[in-house]
Amino acid sequence: KKRMSVGDAEAFWMLGEYYSKGMYGVPQNARKAFELLSKSADLGSVEGHCHLADHCVGIDLVKAKYHYELAAIGGSDNARCNLGVLDYQSGDFVRARKHWM
């Protein structure tokens, strides 16, 4: 929490993951996890964007794709793979293959 007070994006991402999964004695709380991951993404965390997209997949695919794209631009291989999955599911096999290459 000390790192969060100075605006450390990775600290917000880590605590968001703890709330998401109920790790290290932190109670599982999806709403709190979403808030922390959103803050992390706002501060520029690549992992924050990727994990926020994971939370959006079942709710809002447009937002999920947006956050995966930002994470992929930032260098996240997981985001690139997941963009391929979304493109494959939408029938854009050529673009999906490009993400997976």
PDB file of N, CA and C in Angstrom:
ATOM      1  N   LYS A   1       0.823  -1.203   0.000  1.00  0.00           N
ATOM      2  CA  LYS A   1       0.000   0.000   0.000  1.00  0.00           C
ATOM      3  C   LYS A   1       0.862   1.259   0.000  1.00  0.00           C
ATOM      4  N   LYS A   2       2.070   1.139   0.530  1.00  0.00           N
ATOM      5  CA  LYS A   2       2.976   2.285   0.530  1.00  0.00           C
ATOM      6  C   LYS A   2       3.318   2.686  -0.904  1.00  0.00           C
ATOM      7  N   ARG A   3       3.567   1.682  -1.757  1.00  0.00           N
ATOM      8  CA  ARG A   3       3.895   1.969  -3.156  1.00  0.00           C
ATOM      9  C   ARG A   3       2.693   2.558  -3.890  1.00  0.00           C
ATOM     10  N   MET A   4       1.505   2.171  -3.490  1.00  0.00           N
ATOM     11  CA  MET A   4       0.300   2.704  -4.125  1.00  0.00           C
ATOM     12  C   MET A   4       0.136   4.190  -3.821  1.00  0.00           C
ATOM     13  N   SER A   5       0.564   4.604  -2.640  1.00  0.00           N
ATOM     14  CA  SER A   5       0.403   6.003  -2.249  1.00  0.00           C
ATOM     15  C   SER A   5       1.239   6.954  -3.116  1.00  0.00           C
ATOM     16  N   VAL A   6       2.246   6.417  -3.794  1.00  0.00           N
ATOM     17  CA  VAL A   6       3.060   7.240  -4.691  1.00  0.00           C
ATOM     18  C   VAL A   6       2.720   6.982  -6.165  1.00  0.00           C
ATOM     19  N   GLY A   7       1.608   6.271  -6.404  1.00  0.00           N
ATOM     20  CA  GLY A   7       1.138   6.063  -7.769  1.00  0.00           C
ATOM     21  C   GLY A   7       1.856   4.995  -8.555  1.00  0.00           C
ATOM     22  N   ASP A   8       2.344   3.955  -7.891  1.00  0.00           N
ATOM     23  CA  ASP A   8       3.042   2.861  -8.566  1.00  0.00           C
ATOM     24  C   ASP A   8       2.018   1.939  -9.235  1.00  0.00           C
ATOM     25  N   ALA A   9       1.990   1.943 -10.569  1.00  0.00           N
ATOM     26  CA  ALA A   9       1.018   1.167 -11.334  1.00  0.00           C
ATOM     27  C   ALA A   9       1.108  -0.326 -11.032  1.00  0.00           C
ATOM     28  N   GLU A  10       2.332  -0.831 -10.876  1.00  0.00           N
ATOM     29  CA  GLU A  10       2.507  -2.266 -10.623  1.00  0.00           C
ATOM     30  C   GLU A  10       1.970  -2.666  -9.250  1.00  0.00           C
ATOM     31  N   ALA A  11       2.033  -1.771  -8.284  1.00  0.00           N
ATOM     32  CA  ALA A  11       1.485  -2.059  -6.958  1.00  0.00           C
ATOM     33  C   ALA A  11      -0.038  -2.199  -7.039  1.00  0.00           C
ATOM     34  N   PHE A  12      -0.682  -1.326  -7.820  1.00  0.00           N
ATOM     35  CA  PHE A  12      -2.128  -1.437  -8.006  1.00  0.00           C
ATOM     36  C   PHE A  12      -2.477  -2.748  -8.702  1.00  0.00           C
ATOM     37  N   TRP A  13      -1.659  -3.113  -9.707  1.00  0.00           N
ATOM     38  CA  TRP A  13      -1.902  -4.360 -10.426  1.00  0.00           C
ATOM     39  C   TRP A  13      -1.778  -5.568  -9.489  1.00  0.00           C
ATOM     40  N   MET A  14      -0.712  -5.602  -8.699  1.00  0.00           N
ATOM     41  CA  MET A  14      -0.496  -6.744  -7.811  1.00  0.00           C
ATOM     42  C   MET A  14      -1.626  -6.882  -6.794  1.00  0.00           C
ATOM     43  N   LEU A  15      -2.015  -5.773  -6.159  1.00  0.00           N
ATOM     44  CA  LEU A  15      -3.083  -5.856  -5.171  1.00  0.00           C
ATOM     45  C   LEU A  15      -4.409  -6.223  -5.847  1.00  0.00           C
ATOM     46  N   GLY A  16      -4.607  -5.735  -7.069  1.00  0.00           N
ATOM     47  CA  GLY A  16      -5.799  -6.129  -7.823  1.00  0.00           C
ATOM     48  C   GLY A  16      -5.838  -7.626  -8.069  1.00  0.00           C
ATOM     49  N   GLU A  17      -4.699  -8.215  -8.383  1.00  0.00           N
ATOM     50  CA  GLU A  17      -4.630  -9.671  -8.566  1.00  0.00           C
ATOM     51  C   GLU A  17      -4.901 -10.409  -7.262  1.00  0.00           C
ATOM     52  N   TYR A  18      -4.385  -9.882  -6.159  1.00  0.00           N
ATOM     53  CA  TYR A  18      -4.640 -10.509  -4.863  1.00  0.00           C
ATOM     54  C   TYR A  18      -6.128 -10.522  -4.553  1.00  0.00           C
ATOM     55  N   TYR A  19      -6.811  -9.407  -4.813  1.00  0.00           N
ATOM     56  CA  TYR A  19      -8.256  -9.351  -4.589  1.00  0.00           C
ATOM     57  C   TYR A  19      -8.999 -10.248  -5.579  1.00  0.00           C
ATOM     58  N   SER A  20      -8.512 -10.329  -6.789  1.00  0.00           N
ATOM     59  CA  SER A  20      -9.155 -11.150  -7.803  1.00  0.00           C
ATOM     60  C   SER A  20      -9.148 -12.627  -7.427  1.00  0.00           C
ATOM     61  N   LYS A  21      -8.027 -13.076  -6.887  1.00  0.00           N
ATOM     62  CA  LYS A  21      -7.854 -14.504  -6.593  1.00  0.00           C
ATOM     63  C   LYS A  21      -7.944 -14.851  -5.111  1.00  0.00           C
ATOM     64  N   GLY A  22      -8.042 -13.841  -4.258  1.00  0.00           N
ATOM     65  CA  GLY A  22      -8.078 -14.107  -2.821  1.00  0.00           C
ATOM     66  C   GLY A  22      -6.753 -14.667  -2.321  1.00  0.00           C
ATOM     67  N   MET A  23      -5.665 -13.990  -2.633  1.00  0.00           N
ATOM     68  CA  MET A  23      -4.327 -14.476  -2.290  1.00  0.00           C
ATOM     69  C   MET A  23      -3.738 -13.737  -1.100  1.00  0.00           C
ATOM     70  N   TYR A  24      -2.808 -14.393  -0.415  1.00  0.00           N
ATOM     71  CA  TYR A  24      -2.009 -13.804   0.659  1.00  0.00           C
ATOM     72  C   TYR A  24      -2.866 -13.142   1.742  1.00  0.00           C
ATOM     73  N   GLY A  25      -3.951 -13.783   2.101  1.00  0.00           N
ATOM     74  CA  GLY A  25      -4.803 -13.276   3.174  1.00  0.00           C
ATOM     75  C   GLY A  25      -5.735 -12.148   2.766  1.00  0.00           C
ATOM     76  N   VAL A  26      -5.697 -11.749   1.505  1.00  0.00           N
ATOM     77  CA  VAL A  26      -6.597 -10.702   1.010  1.00  0.00           C
ATOM     78  C   VAL A  26      -7.891 -11.388   0.589  1.00  0.00           C
ATOM     79  N   PRO A  27      -9.039 -10.929   1.080  1.00  0.00           N
ATOM     80  CA  PRO A  27     -10.297 -11.587   0.717  1.00  0.00           C
ATOM     81  C   PRO A  27     -10.618 -11.402  -0.770  1.00  0.00           C
ATOM     82  N   GLN A  28     -11.224 -12.416  -1.364  1.00  0.00           N
ATOM     83  CA  GLN A  28     -11.582 -12.324  -2.774  1.00  0.00           C
ATOM     84  C   GLN A  28     -12.718 -11.312  -2.935  1.00  0.00           C
ATOM     85  N   ASN A  29     -12.524 -10.349  -3.845  1.00  0.00           N
ATOM     86  CA  ASN A  29     -13.504  -9.293  -4.063  1.00  0.00           C
ATOM     87  C   ASN A  29     -13.347  -8.802  -5.507  1.00  0.00           C
ATOM     88  N   ALA A  30     -14.246  -9.258  -6.373  1.00  0.00           N
ATOM     89  CA  ALA A  30     -14.144  -8.951  -7.805  1.00  0.00           C
ATOM     90  C   ALA A  30     -14.275  -7.452  -8.077  1.00  0.00           C
ATOM     91  N   ARG A  31     -15.163  -6.786  -7.365  1.00  0.00           N
ATOM     92  CA  ARG A  31     -15.360  -5.348  -7.589  1.00  0.00           C
ATOM     93  C   ARG A  31     -14.094  -4.562  -7.239  1.00  0.00           C
ATOM     94  N   LYS A  32     -13.506  -4.869  -6.088  1.00  0.00           N
ATOM     95  CA  LYS A  32     -12.283  -4.187  -5.650  1.00  0.00           C
ATOM     96  C   LYS A  32     -11.138  -4.495  -6.620  1.00  0.00           C
ATOM     97  N   ALA A  33     -11.068  -5.750  -7.074  1.00  0.00           N
ATOM     98  CA  ALA A  33     -10.035  -6.141  -8.033  1.00  0.00           C
ATOM     99  C   ALA A  33     -10.176  -5.322  -9.315  1.00  0.00           C
ATOM    100  N   PHE A  34     -11.401  -5.186  -9.809  1.00  0.00           N
ATOM    101  CA  PHE A  34     -11.644  -4.422 -11.034  1.00  0.00           C
ATOM    102  C   PHE A  34     -11.221  -2.966 -10.862  1.00  0.00           C
ATOM    103  N   GLU A  35     -11.546  -2.373  -9.718  1.00  0.00           N
ATOM    104  CA  GLU A  35     -11.159  -0.978  -9.451  1.00  0.00           C
ATOM    105  C   GLU A  35      -9.642  -0.814  -9.451  1.00  0.00           C
ATOM    106  N   LEU A  36      -8.947  -1.726  -8.778  1.00  0.00           N
ATOM    107  CA  LEU A  36      -7.488  -1.632  -8.695  1.00  0.00           C
ATOM    108  C   LEU A  36      -6.822  -1.884 -10.041  1.00  0.00           C
ATOM    109  N   LEU A  37      -7.332  -2.843 -10.791  1.00  0.00           N
ATOM    110  CA  LEU A  37      -6.771  -3.116 -12.112  1.00  0.00           C
ATOM    111  C   LEU A  37      -7.029  -1.945 -13.060  1.00  0.00           C
ATOM    112  N   SER A  38      -8.193  -1.310 -12.930  1.00  0.00           N
ATOM    113  CA  SER A  38      -8.488  -0.122 -13.749  1.00  0.00           C
ATOM    114  C   SER A  38      -7.511   0.999 -13.437  1.00  0.00           C
ATOM    115  N   LYS A  39      -7.237   1.206 -12.156  1.00  0.00           N
ATOM    116  CA  LYS A  39      -6.286   2.248 -11.749  1.00  0.00           C
ATOM    117  C   LYS A  39      -4.894   1.925 -12.287  1.00  0.00           C
ATOM    118  N   SER A  40      -4.526   0.667 -12.198  1.00  0.00           N
ATOM    119  CA  SER A  40      -3.230   0.227 -12.699  1.00  0.00           C
ATOM    120  C   SER A  40      -3.111   0.506 -14.202  1.00  0.00           C
ATOM    121  N   ALA A  41      -4.156   0.178 -14.945  1.00  0.00           N
ATOM    122  CA  ALA A  41      -4.154   0.426 -16.391  1.00  0.00           C
ATOM    123  C   ALA A  41      -4.099   1.921 -16.674  1.00  0.00           C
ATOM    124  N   ASP A  42      -4.845   2.709 -15.906  1.00  0.00           N
ATOM    125  CA  ASP A  42      -4.824   4.165 -16.081  1.00  0.00           C
ATOM    126  C   ASP A  42      -3.423   4.734 -15.872  1.00  0.00           C
ATOM    127  N   LEU A  43      -2.667   4.095 -14.989  1.00  0.00           N
ATOM    128  CA  LEU A  43      -1.308   4.554 -14.694  1.00  0.00           C
ATOM    129  C   LEU A  43      -0.278   3.992 -15.681  1.00  0.00           C
ATOM    130  N   GLY A  44      -0.740   3.137 -16.617  1.00  0.00           N
ATOM    131  CA  GLY A  44       0.144   2.664 -17.675  1.00  0.00           C
ATOM    132  C   GLY A  44       0.723   1.277 -17.520  1.00  0.00           C
ATOM    133  N   SER A  45       0.202   0.482 -16.608  1.00  0.00           N
ATOM    134  CA  SER A  45       0.718  -0.874 -16.428  1.00  0.00           C
ATOM    135  C   SER A  45       0.267  -1.790 -17.563  1.00  0.00           C
ATOM    136  N   VAL A  46       1.212  -2.415 -18.241  1.00  0.00           N
ATOM    137  CA  VAL A  46       0.902  -3.368 -19.304  1.00  0.00           C
ATOM    138  C   VAL A  46       0.150  -4.555 -18.715  1.00  0.00           C
ATOM    139  N   GLU A  47       0.638  -5.085 -17.608  1.00  0.00           N
ATOM    140  CA  GLU A  47      -0.037  -6.213 -16.960  1.00  0.00           C
ATOM    141  C   GLU A  47      -1.424  -5.812 -16.463  1.00  0.00           C
ATOM    142  N   GLY A  48      -1.540  -4.576 -16.007  1.00  0.00           N
ATOM    143  CA  GLY A  48      -2.844  -4.073 -15.575  1.00  0.00           C
ATOM    144  C   GLY A  48      -3.847  -4.112 -16.711  1.00  0.00           C
ATOM    145  N   HIS A  49      -3.424  -3.670 -17.911  1.00  0.00           N
ATOM    146  CA  HIS A  49      -4.306  -3.712 -19.081  1.00  0.00           C
ATOM    147  C   HIS A  49      -4.677  -5.151 -19.429  1.00  0.00           C
ATOM    148  N   CYS A  50      -3.702  -6.035 -19.405  1.00  0.00           N
ATOM    149  CA  CYS A  50      -3.944  -7.428 -19.777  1.00  0.00           C
ATOM    150  C   CYS A  50      -4.917  -8.097 -18.805  1.00  0.00           C
ATOM    151  N   HIS A  51      -4.702  -7.923 -17.524  1.00  0.00           N
ATOM    152  CA  HIS A  51      -5.561  -8.572 -16.532  1.00  0.00           C
ATOM    153  C   HIS A  51      -6.928  -7.901 -16.452  1.00  0.00           C
ATOM    154  N   LEU A  52      -6.988  -6.611 -16.703  1.00  0.00           N
ATOM    155  CA  LEU A  52      -8.281  -5.929 -16.773  1.00  0.00           C
ATOM    156  C   LEU A  52      -9.077  -6.482 -17.949  1.00  0.00           C
ATOM    157  N   ALA A  53      -8.415  -6.707 -19.061  1.00  0.00           N
ATOM    158  CA  ALA A  53      -9.077  -7.302 -20.228  1.00  0.00           C
ATOM    159  C   ALA A  53      -9.618  -8.683 -19.888  1.00  0.00           C
ATOM    160  N   ASP A  54      -8.850  -9.467 -19.121  1.00  0.00           N
ATOM    161  CA  ASP A  54      -9.322 -10.789 -18.700  1.00  0.00           C
ATOM    162  C   ASP A  54     -10.645 -10.680 -17.943  1.00  0.00           C
ATOM    163  N   HIS A  55     -10.771  -9.651 -17.116  1.00  0.00           N
ATOM    164  CA  HIS A  55     -11.992  -9.447 -16.342  1.00  0.00           C
ATOM    165  C   HIS A  55     -13.149  -8.979 -17.231  1.00  0.00           C
ATOM    166  N   CYS A  56     -12.837  -8.312 -18.331  1.00  0.00           N
ATOM    167  CA  CYS A  56     -13.873  -7.759 -19.221  1.00  0.00           C
ATOM    168  C   CYS A  56     -14.404  -8.764 -20.234  1.00  0.00           C
ATOM    169  N   VAL A  57     -13.687  -9.856 -20.473  1.00  0.00           N
ATOM    170  CA  VAL A  57     -14.038 -10.778 -21.559  1.00  0.00           C
ATOM    171  C   VAL A  57     -15.486 -11.244 -21.483  1.00  0.00           C
ATOM    172  N   GLY A  58     -15.956 -11.656 -20.347  1.00  0.00           N
ATOM    173  CA  GLY A  58     -17.322 -12.153 -20.227  1.00  0.00           C
ATOM    174  C   GLY A  58     -18.369 -11.058 -20.139  1.00  0.00           C
ATOM    175  N   ILE A  59     -17.930  -9.805 -20.034  1.00  0.00           N
ATOM    176  CA  ILE A  59     -18.856  -8.697 -19.814  1.00  0.00           C
ATOM    177  C   ILE A  59     -18.937  -7.781 -21.034  1.00  0.00           C
ATOM    178  N   ASP A  60     -17.789  -7.358 -21.542  1.00  0.00           N
ATOM    179  CA  ASP A  60     -17.730  -6.373 -22.620  1.00  0.00           C
ATOM    180  C   ASP A  60     -16.527  -6.673 -23.514  1.00  0.00           C
ATOM    181  N   LEU A  61     -16.776  -7.344 -24.639  1.00  0.00           N
ATOM    182  CA  LEU A  61     -15.677  -7.747 -25.525  1.00  0.00           C
ATOM    183  C   LEU A  61     -14.968  -6.567 -26.161  1.00  0.00           C
ATOM    184  N   VAL A  62     -15.685  -5.462 -26.379  1.00  0.00           N
ATOM    185  CA  VAL A  62     -15.055  -4.283 -26.969  1.00  0.00           C
ATOM    186  C   VAL A  62     -13.998  -3.726 -26.012  1.00  0.00           C
ATOM    187  N   LYS A  63     -14.353  -3.633 -24.726  1.00  0.00           N
ATOM    188  CA  LYS A  63     -13.385  -3.158 -23.727  1.00  0.00           C
ATOM    189  C   LYS A  63     -12.243  -4.141 -23.585  1.00  0.00           C
ATOM    190  N   ALA A  64     -12.564  -5.437 -23.585  1.00  0.00           N
ATOM    191  CA  ALA A  64     -11.527  -6.457 -23.452  1.00  0.00           C
ATOM    192  C   ALA A  64     -10.513  -6.327 -24.589  1.00  0.00           C
ATOM    193  N   LYS A  65     -11.018  -6.192 -25.802  1.00  0.00           N
ATOM    194  CA  LYS A  65     -10.122  -6.079 -26.960  1.00  0.00           C
ATOM    195  C   LYS A  65      -9.275  -4.812 -26.864  1.00  0.00           C
ATOM    196  N   TYR A  66      -9.888  -3.716 -26.439  1.00  0.00           N
ATOM    197  CA  TYR A  66      -9.163  -2.457 -26.274  1.00  0.00           C
ATOM    198  C   TYR A  66      -7.987  -2.617 -25.306  1.00  0.00           C
ATOM    199  N   HIS A  67      -8.246  -3.227 -24.152  1.00  0.00           N
ATOM    200  CA  HIS A  67      -7.187  -3.385 -23.152  1.00  0.00           C
ATOM    201  C   HIS A  67      -6.145  -4.411 -23.602  1.00  0.00           C
ATOM    202  N   TYR A  68      -6.574  -5.473 -24.297  1.00  0.00           N
ATOM    203  CA  TYR A  68      -5.600  -6.423 -24.840  1.00  0.00           C
ATOM    204  C   TYR A  68      -4.696  -5.739 -25.869  1.00  0.00           C
ATOM    205  N   GLU A  69      -5.279  -4.872 -26.704  1.00  0.00           N
ATOM    206  CA  GLU A  69      -4.475  -4.178 -27.708  1.00  0.00           C
ATOM    207  C   GLU A  69      -3.429  -3.277 -27.057  1.00  0.00           C
ATOM    208  N   LEU A  70      -3.826  -2.543 -26.017  1.00  0.00           N
ATOM    209  CA  LEU A  70      -2.858  -1.687 -25.327  1.00  0.00           C
ATOM    210  C   LEU A  70      -1.760  -2.513 -24.664  1.00  0.00           C
ATOM    211  N   ALA A  71      -2.145  -3.648 -24.086  1.00  0.00           N
ATOM    212  CA  ALA A  71      -1.150  -4.514 -23.453  1.00  0.00           C
ATOM    213  C   ALA A  71      -0.220  -5.123 -24.504  1.00  0.00           C
ATOM    214  N   ALA A  72      -0.774  -5.509 -25.649  1.00  0.00           N
ATOM    215  CA  ALA A  72       0.056  -6.085 -26.717  1.00  0.00           C
ATOM    216  C   ALA A  72       1.033  -5.047 -27.261  1.00  0.00           C
ATOM    217  N   ILE A  73       0.573  -3.820 -27.433  1.00  0.00           N
ATOM    218  CA  ILE A  73       1.469  -2.739 -27.882  1.00  0.00           C
ATOM    219  C   ILE A  73       2.589  -2.545 -26.873  1.00  0.00           C
ATOM    220  N   GLY A  74       2.258  -2.748 -25.585  1.00  0.00           N
ATOM    221  CA  GLY A  74       3.254  -2.614 -24.528  1.00  0.00           C
ATOM    222  C   GLY A  74       4.193  -3.806 -24.412  1.00  0.00           C
ATOM    223  N   GLY A  75       3.925  -4.867 -25.187  1.00  0.00           N
ATOM    224  CA  GLY A  75       4.840  -6.008 -25.208  1.00  0.00           C
ATOM    225  C   GLY A  75       4.342  -7.276 -24.546  1.00  0.00           C
ATOM    226  N   SER A  76       3.068  -7.354 -24.195  1.00  0.00           N
ATOM    227  CA  SER A  76       2.546  -8.546 -23.525  1.00  0.00           C
ATOM    228  C   SER A  76       2.241  -9.655 -24.529  1.00  0.00           C
ATOM    229  N   ASP A  77       2.960 -10.763 -24.396  1.00  0.00           N
ATOM    230  CA  ASP A  77       2.713 -11.926 -25.259  1.00  0.00           C
ATOM    231  C   ASP A  77       1.351 -12.548 -24.967  1.00  0.00           C
ATOM    232  N   ASN A  78       0.947 -12.546 -23.688  1.00  0.00           N
ATOM    233  CA  ASN A  78      -0.358 -13.099 -23.323  1.00  0.00           C
ATOM    234  C   ASN A  78      -1.482 -12.320 -23.991  1.00  0.00           C
ATOM    235  N   ALA A  79      -1.359 -11.006 -23.999  1.00  0.00           N
ATOM    236  CA  ALA A  79      -2.379 -10.175 -24.634  1.00  0.00           C
ATOM    237  C   ALA A  79      -2.435 -10.459 -26.128  1.00  0.00           C
ATOM    238  N   ARG A  80      -1.288 -10.630 -26.744  1.00  0.00           N
ATOM    239  CA  ARG A  80      -1.227 -10.929 -28.183  1.00  0.00           C
ATOM    240  C   ARG A  80      -1.922 -12.252 -28.477  1.00  0.00           C
ATOM    241  N   CYS A  81      -1.664 -13.242 -27.659  1.00  0.00           N
ATOM    242  CA  CYS A  81      -2.299 -14.550 -27.820  1.00  0.00           C
ATOM    243  C   CYS A  81      -3.819 -14.429 -27.659  1.00  0.00           C
ATOM    244  N   ASN A  82      -4.247 -13.689 -26.642  1.00  0.00           N
ATOM    245  CA  ASN A  82      -5.679 -13.542 -26.390  1.00  0.00           C
ATOM    246  C   ASN A  82      -6.368 -12.745 -27.489  1.00  0.00           C
ATOM    247  N   LEU A  83      -5.685 -11.774 -28.084  1.00  0.00           N
ATOM    248  CA  LEU A  83      -6.239 -11.069 -29.240  1.00  0.00           C
ATOM    249  C   LEU A  83      -6.456 -12.055 -30.385  1.00  0.00           C
ATOM    250  N   GLY A  84      -5.513 -12.964 -30.552  1.00  0.00           N
ATOM    251  CA  GLY A  84      -5.666 -14.000 -31.575  1.00  0.00           C
ATOM    252  C   GLY A  84      -6.894 -14.856 -31.326  1.00  0.00           C
ATOM    253  N   VAL A  85      -7.125 -15.201 -30.079  1.00  0.00           N
ATOM    254  CA  VAL A  85      -8.300 -16.000 -29.727  1.00  0.00           C
ATOM    255  C   VAL A  85      -9.580 -15.224 -30.054  1.00  0.00           C
ATOM    256  N   LEU A  86      -9.635 -13.958 -29.671  1.00  0.00           N
ATOM    257  CA  LEU A  86     -10.830 -13.150 -29.959  1.00  0.00           C
ATOM    258  C   LEU A  86     -11.064 -13.025 -31.463  1.00  0.00           C
ATOM    259  N   ASP A  87      -9.994 -12.801 -32.224  1.00  0.00           N
ATOM    260  CA  ASP A  87     -10.133 -12.706 -33.674  1.00  0.00           C
ATOM    261  C   ASP A  87     -10.571 -14.036 -34.276  1.00  0.00           C
ATOM    262  N   TYR A  88     -10.024 -15.121 -33.787  1.00  0.00           N
ATOM    263  CA  TYR A  88     -10.401 -16.453 -34.270  1.00  0.00           C
ATOM    264  C   TYR A  88     -11.879 -16.712 -34.005  1.00  0.00           C
ATOM    265  N   GLN A  89     -12.325 -16.367 -32.793  1.00  0.00           N
ATOM    266  CA  GLN A  89     -13.731 -16.592 -32.435  1.00  0.00           C
ATOM    267  C   GLN A  89     -14.678 -15.733 -33.265  1.00  0.00           C
ATOM    268  N   SER A  90     -14.196 -14.582 -33.719  1.00  0.00           N
ATOM    269  CA  SER A  90     -15.046 -13.711 -34.541  1.00  0.00           C
ATOM    270  C   SER A  90     -14.961 -14.066 -36.025  1.00  0.00           C
ATOM    271  N   GLY A  91     -14.125 -15.050 -36.366  1.00  0.00           N
ATOM    272  CA  GLY A  91     -14.030 -15.514 -37.748  1.00  0.00           C
ATOM    273  C   GLY A  91     -12.914 -14.880 -38.558  1.00  0.00           C
ATOM    274  N   ASP A  92     -12.112 -14.032 -37.938  1.00  0.00           N
ATOM    275  CA  ASP A  92     -11.003 -13.384 -38.660  1.00  0.00           C
ATOM    276  C   ASP A  92      -9.741 -14.233 -38.473  1.00  0.00           C
ATOM    277  N   PHE A  93      -9.686 -15.333 -39.234  1.00  0.00           N
ATOM    278  CA  PHE A  93      -8.619 -16.314 -39.059  1.00  0.00           C
ATOM    279  C   PHE A  93      -7.257 -15.790 -39.489  1.00  0.00           C
ATOM    280  N   VAL A  94      -7.237 -14.938 -40.494  1.00  0.00           N
ATOM    281  CA  VAL A  94      -5.970 -14.384 -40.977  1.00  0.00           C
ATOM    282  C   VAL A  94      -5.347 -13.497 -39.897  1.00  0.00           C
ATOM    283  N   ARG A  95      -6.163 -12.626 -39.323  1.00  0.00           N
ATOM    284  CA  ARG A  95      -5.634 -11.743 -38.277  1.00  0.00           C
ATOM    285  C   ARG A  95      -5.242 -12.548 -37.037  1.00  0.00           C
ATOM    286  N   ALA A  96      -6.040 -13.556 -36.707  1.00  0.00           N
ATOM    287  CA  ALA A  96      -5.715 -14.403 -35.553  1.00  0.00           C
ATOM    288  C   ALA A  96      -4.347 -15.036 -35.735  1.00  0.00           C
ATOM    289  N   ARG A  97      -4.098 -15.558 -36.932  1.00  0.00           N
ATOM    290  CA  ARG A  97      -2.802 -16.208 -37.214  1.00  0.00           C
ATOM    291  C   ARG A  97      -1.649 -15.225 -37.067  1.00  0.00           C
ATOM    292  N   LYS A  98      -1.870 -13.970 -37.483  1.00  0.00           N
ATOM    293  CA  LYS A  98      -0.821 -12.951 -37.348  1.00  0.00           C
ATOM    294  C   LYS A  98      -0.463 -12.717 -35.887  1.00  0.00           C
ATOM    295  N   HIS A  99      -1.470 -12.738 -35.019  1.00  0.00           N
ATOM    296  CA  HIS A  99      -1.197 -12.567 -33.583  1.00  0.00           C
ATOM    297  C   HIS A  99      -0.403 -13.748 -33.040  1.00  0.00           C
ATOM    298  N   TRP A 100      -0.657 -14.907 -33.578  1.00  0.00           N
ATOM    299  CA  TRP A 100       0.000 -16.108 -33.045  1.00  0.00           C
ATOM    300  C   TRP A 100       1.362 -16.375 -33.649  1.00  0.00           C
ATOM    301  N   MET A 101       1.750 -15.659 -34.694  1.00  0.00           N
ATOM    302  CA  MET A 101       3.045 -15.893 -35.346  1.00  0.00           C
ATOM    303  C   MET A 101       4.156 -15.228 -34.595  1.00  0.00           C
TER     304      MET A 101
END
